[in-house]
């Protein structure tokens, strides 16, 4: 478990969720993990690029749903914080960026 600015990040949470869904097919798990990462990256980019509250909120909700569907509860909590809090929170964006970097590092290590 890694810690990302006071939020625990469990790099195995996604793998456990995927293994429960597809068994031990490592190729499929790797593909799904990559798809999750790309989607999360797109939604975090959408948050960075949002020009109004509605765009911010929509990206936050999409990220929250994505994280929830893959069982990545720490990212889901950050996305929920973004959806429920003040738009364009730079500190929150830094925490999301760090979580995504931690996720990417865990992908290259495992």
Protein backbone atom coordinates (compact mmCIF):
# COMPACT_ATOMS: atom_id res chain seq x y z
CA UNK A 1 0.00 0.00 0.00
CA UNK A 2 1.29 3.44 -0.91
CA UNK A 3 0.28 6.75 0.61
CA UNK A 4 -0.64 9.61 -1.65
CA UNK A 5 -0.84 12.85 0.36
CA UNK A 6 -2.78 11.38 3.31
CA UNK A 7 -4.82 9.03 1.15
CA UNK A 8 -3.90 5.37 1.16
CA UNK A 9 -3.43 3.99 -2.33
CA UNK A 10 -3.74 0.24 -2.71
CA UNK A 11 -2.27 -0.68 -6.09
CA UNK A 12 -3.71 -4.19 -5.77
CA UNK A 13 -7.34 -3.10 -5.41
CA UNK A 14 -7.91 -2.95 -9.15
CA UNK A 15 -6.17 -6.28 -9.73
CA UNK A 16 -8.32 -7.96 -7.07
CA UNK A 17 -11.49 -6.58 -8.65
CA UNK A 18 -10.41 -7.68 -12.11
CA UNK A 19 -9.37 -11.14 -10.95
CA UNK A 20 -12.74 -11.58 -9.27
CA UNK A 21 -14.45 -10.62 -12.53
CA UNK A 22 -12.34 -12.47 -15.11
CA UNK A 23 -10.38 -15.07 -13.19
CA UNK A 24 -6.66 -15.49 -13.68
CA UNK A 25 -6.47 -14.48 -17.35
CA UNK A 26 -3.45 -12.17 -16.99
CA UNK A 27 -3.68 -10.92 -20.57
CA UNK A 28 -7.27 -9.78 -20.08
CA UNK A 29 -6.46 -8.29 -16.67
CA UNK A 30 -3.60 -6.33 -18.24
CA UNK A 31 -5.84 -5.06 -21.05
CA UNK A 32 -8.59 -4.02 -18.63
CA UNK A 33 -6.07 -2.36 -16.33
CA UNK A 34 -4.74 -0.39 -19.30
CA UNK A 35 -8.25 0.61 -20.35
CA UNK A 36 -8.98 1.79 -16.81
CA UNK A 37 -5.78 3.85 -16.69
CA UNK A 38 -6.46 5.48 -20.07
CA UNK A 39 -10.03 6.33 -19.08
CA UNK A 40 -8.95 7.72 -15.71
CA UNK A 41 -6.25 9.76 -17.43
CA UNK A 42 -8.84 11.21 -19.86
CA UNK A 43 -11.19 12.20 -17.04
CA UNK A 44 -8.43 13.81 -14.98
CA UNK A 45 -7.37 15.71 -18.12
CA UNK A 46 -11.00 16.78 -18.57
CA UNK A 47 -10.94 18.15 -15.02
CA UNK A 48 -7.74 20.07 -15.77
CA UNK A 49 -9.25 21.43 -18.99
CA UNK A 50 -12.72 22.25 -17.67
CA UNK A 51 -13.72 25.83 -18.41
CA UNK A 52 -16.91 25.94 -16.35
CA UNK A 53 -18.53 24.31 -13.35
CA UNK A 54 -20.65 21.97 -15.50
CA UNK A 55 -17.63 20.53 -17.31
CA UNK A 56 -15.82 20.09 -14.00
CA UNK A 57 -18.80 18.33 -12.43
CA UNK A 58 -19.36 16.05 -15.44
CA UNK A 59 -15.71 14.96 -15.50
CA UNK A 60 -15.72 14.39 -11.74
CA UNK A 61 -18.84 12.21 -11.92
CA UNK A 62 -17.45 10.21 -14.86
CA UNK A 63 -14.20 9.63 -12.95
CA UNK A 64 -16.11 8.64 -9.83
CA UNK A 65 -18.24 6.14 -11.79
CA UNK A 66 -15.19 4.71 -13.54
CA UNK A 67 -13.31 4.27 -10.27
CA UNK A 68 -16.35 2.74 -8.58
CA UNK A 69 -16.93 0.26 -11.40
CA UNK A 70 -13.32 -0.94 -11.11
CA UNK A 71 -13.23 -0.94 -7.30
CA UNK A 72 -10.57 1.77 -7.00
CA UNK A 73 -12.06 3.36 -3.91
CA UNK A 74 -9.27 5.85 -3.22
CA UNK A 75 -9.66 7.46 -6.65
CA UNK A 76 -13.43 7.25 -6.25
CA UNK A 77 -13.13 9.24 -3.00
CA UNK A 78 -11.03 11.91 -4.71
CA UNK A 79 -13.52 12.15 -7.58
CA UNK A 80 -16.38 12.40 -5.11
CA UNK A 81 -14.54 15.20 -3.35
CA UNK A 82 -14.19 16.96 -6.70
CA UNK A 83 -17.87 16.49 -7.56
CA UNK A 84 -19.09 17.67 -4.16
CA UNK A 85 -16.56 20.43 -3.53
CA UNK A 86 -15.59 23.69 -5.12
CA UNK A 87 -14.65 23.38 -8.80
CA UNK A 88 -11.07 23.92 -9.93
CA UNK A 89 -9.47 22.99 -6.58
CA UNK A 90 -5.75 22.94 -7.42
CA UNK A 91 -4.78 20.99 -4.31
CA UNK A 92 -7.31 18.30 -5.16
CA UNK A 93 -6.03 18.17 -8.74
CA UNK A 94 -2.47 17.65 -7.47
CA UNK A 95 -3.71 14.78 -5.29
CA UNK A 96 -5.48 13.19 -8.28
CA UNK A 97 -2.38 13.58 -10.43
CA UNK A 98 -0.30 11.90 -7.71
CA UNK A 99 -2.81 9.06 -7.42
CA UNK A 100 -2.66 8.51 -11.17
CA UNK A 101 1.16 8.51 -11.11
CA UNK A 102 1.10 5.98 -8.24
CA UNK A 103 -1.29 3.82 -10.24
CA UNK A 104 0.93 4.02 -13.32
CA UNK A 105 4.03 3.11 -11.28
CA UNK A 106 2.25 0.12 -9.77
CA UNK A 107 1.36 -0.99 -13.31
CA UNK A 108 4.99 -0.95 -14.40
CA UNK A 109 6.17 -2.71 -11.24
CA UNK A 110 3.68 -5.53 -11.28
